[in-house]
N, C-alpha and C. Protein backbone atom coordinates (compact mmCIF):
# COMPACT_ATOMS: atom_id res chain seq x y z
N UNK A 1 -0.53 19.64 47.51
CA UNK A 1 0.37 18.81 46.73
C UNK A 1 1.13 19.72 45.75
N UNK A 2 2.35 19.41 45.52
CA UNK A 2 3.18 20.19 44.63
C UNK A 2 2.63 20.11 43.20
N UNK A 3 2.67 21.22 42.47
CA UNK A 3 2.13 21.25 41.11
C UNK A 3 2.86 20.29 40.18
N UNK A 4 4.14 20.14 40.35
CA UNK A 4 4.91 19.23 39.50
C UNK A 4 4.49 17.78 39.74
N UNK A 5 4.31 17.43 40.99
CA UNK A 5 3.88 16.07 41.32
C UNK A 5 2.49 15.80 40.75
N UNK A 6 1.61 16.79 40.86
CA UNK A 6 0.26 16.64 40.34
C UNK A 6 0.27 16.47 38.82
N UNK A 7 1.12 17.23 38.14
CA UNK A 7 1.22 17.12 36.68
C UNK A 7 1.71 15.73 36.28
N UNK A 8 2.72 15.20 36.98
CA UNK A 8 3.23 13.86 36.67
C UNK A 8 2.20 12.79 37.00
N UNK A 9 1.43 13.00 38.04
CA UNK A 9 0.38 12.05 38.40
C UNK A 9 -0.70 12.02 37.31
N UNK A 10 -1.10 13.18 36.83
CA UNK A 10 -2.08 13.24 35.74
C UNK A 10 -1.53 12.60 34.47
N UNK A 11 -0.27 12.84 34.18
CA UNK A 11 0.37 12.24 33.01
C UNK A 11 0.38 10.72 33.13
N UNK A 12 0.70 10.22 34.30
CA UNK A 12 0.73 8.78 34.52
C UNK A 12 -0.64 8.14 34.37
N UNK A 13 -1.67 8.80 34.90
CA UNK A 13 -3.03 8.28 34.77
C UNK A 13 -3.45 8.27 33.30
N UNK A 14 -3.19 9.34 32.58
CA UNK A 14 -3.54 9.40 31.15
C UNK A 14 -2.79 8.33 30.36
N UNK A 15 -1.52 8.13 30.66
CA UNK A 15 -0.74 7.11 29.97
C UNK A 15 -1.29 5.72 30.23
N UNK A 16 -1.70 5.47 31.46
CA UNK A 16 -2.27 4.16 31.80
C UNK A 16 -3.60 3.94 31.07
N UNK A 17 -4.43 4.97 31.02
CA UNK A 17 -5.73 4.84 30.33
C UNK A 17 -5.52 4.60 28.84
N UNK A 18 -4.61 5.34 28.22
CA UNK A 18 -4.34 5.16 26.79
C UNK A 18 -3.75 3.78 26.54
N UNK A 19 -2.86 3.32 27.39
CA UNK A 19 -2.28 1.98 27.24
C UNK A 19 -3.33 0.89 27.36
N UNK A 20 -4.23 1.03 28.34
CA UNK A 20 -5.29 0.05 28.53
C UNK A 20 -6.23 0.03 27.33
N UNK A 21 -6.64 1.22 26.87
CA UNK A 21 -7.54 1.29 25.72
C UNK A 21 -6.87 0.76 24.46
N UNK A 22 -5.60 1.06 24.28
CA UNK A 22 -4.88 0.56 23.11
C UNK A 22 -4.77 -0.95 23.11
N UNK A 23 -4.55 -1.53 24.28
CA UNK A 23 -4.48 -3.00 24.37
C UNK A 23 -5.83 -3.63 24.02
N UNK A 24 -6.91 -3.03 24.51
CA UNK A 24 -8.24 -3.55 24.20
C UNK A 24 -8.56 -3.41 22.71
N UNK A 25 -8.21 -2.26 22.13
CA UNK A 25 -8.48 -2.06 20.71
C UNK A 25 -7.67 -3.00 19.84
N UNK A 26 -6.42 -3.25 20.20
CA UNK A 26 -5.61 -4.15 19.39
C UNK A 26 -6.09 -5.59 19.52
N UNK A 27 -6.72 -5.92 20.63
CA UNK A 27 -7.21 -7.28 20.81
C UNK A 27 -8.56 -7.48 20.13
N UNK A 28 -9.47 -6.54 20.31
CA UNK A 28 -10.84 -6.73 19.85
C UNK A 28 -11.20 -5.93 18.60
N UNK A 29 -10.39 -4.97 18.24
CA UNK A 29 -10.73 -4.11 17.11
C UNK A 29 -10.07 -4.58 15.82
N UNK A 30 -10.74 -4.34 14.74
CA UNK A 30 -10.19 -4.59 13.42
C UNK A 30 -9.88 -3.24 12.80
N UNK A 31 -8.61 -2.97 12.59
CA UNK A 31 -8.18 -1.63 12.21
C UNK A 31 -8.53 -1.30 10.76
N UNK A 32 -8.37 -2.23 9.86
CA UNK A 32 -8.51 -1.91 8.44
C UNK A 32 -9.96 -1.74 8.00
N UNK A 33 -10.87 -2.49 8.55
CA UNK A 33 -12.24 -2.49 8.05
C UNK A 33 -12.92 -1.13 8.21
N UNK A 34 -12.90 -0.46 9.37
CA UNK A 34 -13.57 0.85 9.44
C UNK A 34 -12.95 1.88 8.51
N UNK A 35 -11.64 1.85 8.34
CA UNK A 35 -11.00 2.81 7.44
C UNK A 35 -11.38 2.53 5.99
N UNK A 36 -11.49 1.27 5.63
CA UNK A 36 -11.88 0.94 4.26
C UNK A 36 -13.33 1.30 4.00
N UNK A 37 -14.20 1.07 4.97
CA UNK A 37 -15.60 1.42 4.80
C UNK A 37 -15.80 2.92 4.66
N UNK A 38 -15.02 3.70 5.40
CA UNK A 38 -15.15 5.15 5.35
C UNK A 38 -14.41 5.75 4.16
N UNK A 39 -13.61 4.95 3.46
CA UNK A 39 -12.85 5.45 2.32
C UNK A 39 -11.62 6.24 2.72
N UNK A 40 -11.17 6.06 3.95
CA UNK A 40 -10.02 6.82 4.42
C UNK A 40 -8.70 6.29 3.88
N UNK A 41 -8.62 5.01 3.63
CA UNK A 41 -7.35 4.42 3.26
C UNK A 41 -6.86 4.89 1.88
N UNK A 42 -7.76 5.20 0.96
CA UNK A 42 -7.32 5.64 -0.36
C UNK A 42 -6.98 7.12 -0.39
N UNK A 43 -7.44 7.88 0.62
CA UNK A 43 -7.15 9.30 0.66
C UNK A 43 -5.88 9.64 1.41
N UNK A 44 -5.38 8.72 2.21
CA UNK A 44 -4.19 8.97 2.99
C UNK A 44 -2.94 8.68 2.17
N UNK A 45 -1.97 9.56 2.27
CA UNK A 45 -0.72 9.38 1.57
C UNK A 45 0.38 9.14 2.61
N UNK A 46 1.37 8.35 2.27
CA UNK A 46 2.43 8.09 3.24
C UNK A 46 3.22 9.37 3.54
N UNK A 47 3.70 9.45 4.76
CA UNK A 47 4.47 10.61 5.19
C UNK A 47 5.95 10.25 5.12
N UNK A 48 6.73 11.09 4.47
CA UNK A 48 8.16 10.85 4.43
C UNK A 48 8.87 12.02 5.09
N UNK A 49 9.89 11.71 5.85
CA UNK A 49 10.65 12.72 6.57
C UNK A 49 12.03 12.87 5.95
N UNK A 50 12.12 12.81 4.64
CA UNK A 50 13.41 12.91 3.98
C UNK A 50 13.76 14.34 3.65
C-alpha cells in the first residue's frame, strides 16, 4: 500500500476515534466538576492572541 494512503487511513481512524470519544464525553461527562475538584480552574488563565 502506498505510504501516503496509509498515512491518510491512519489519520481517518484516529479522527473517528477522537470524534466518537468526544461525543461520549460530552454526553456522559461533566466537564467542570473534575477540574474544580482538582483545583485546575483557578490556576488557568485565559489565552489571548492579541
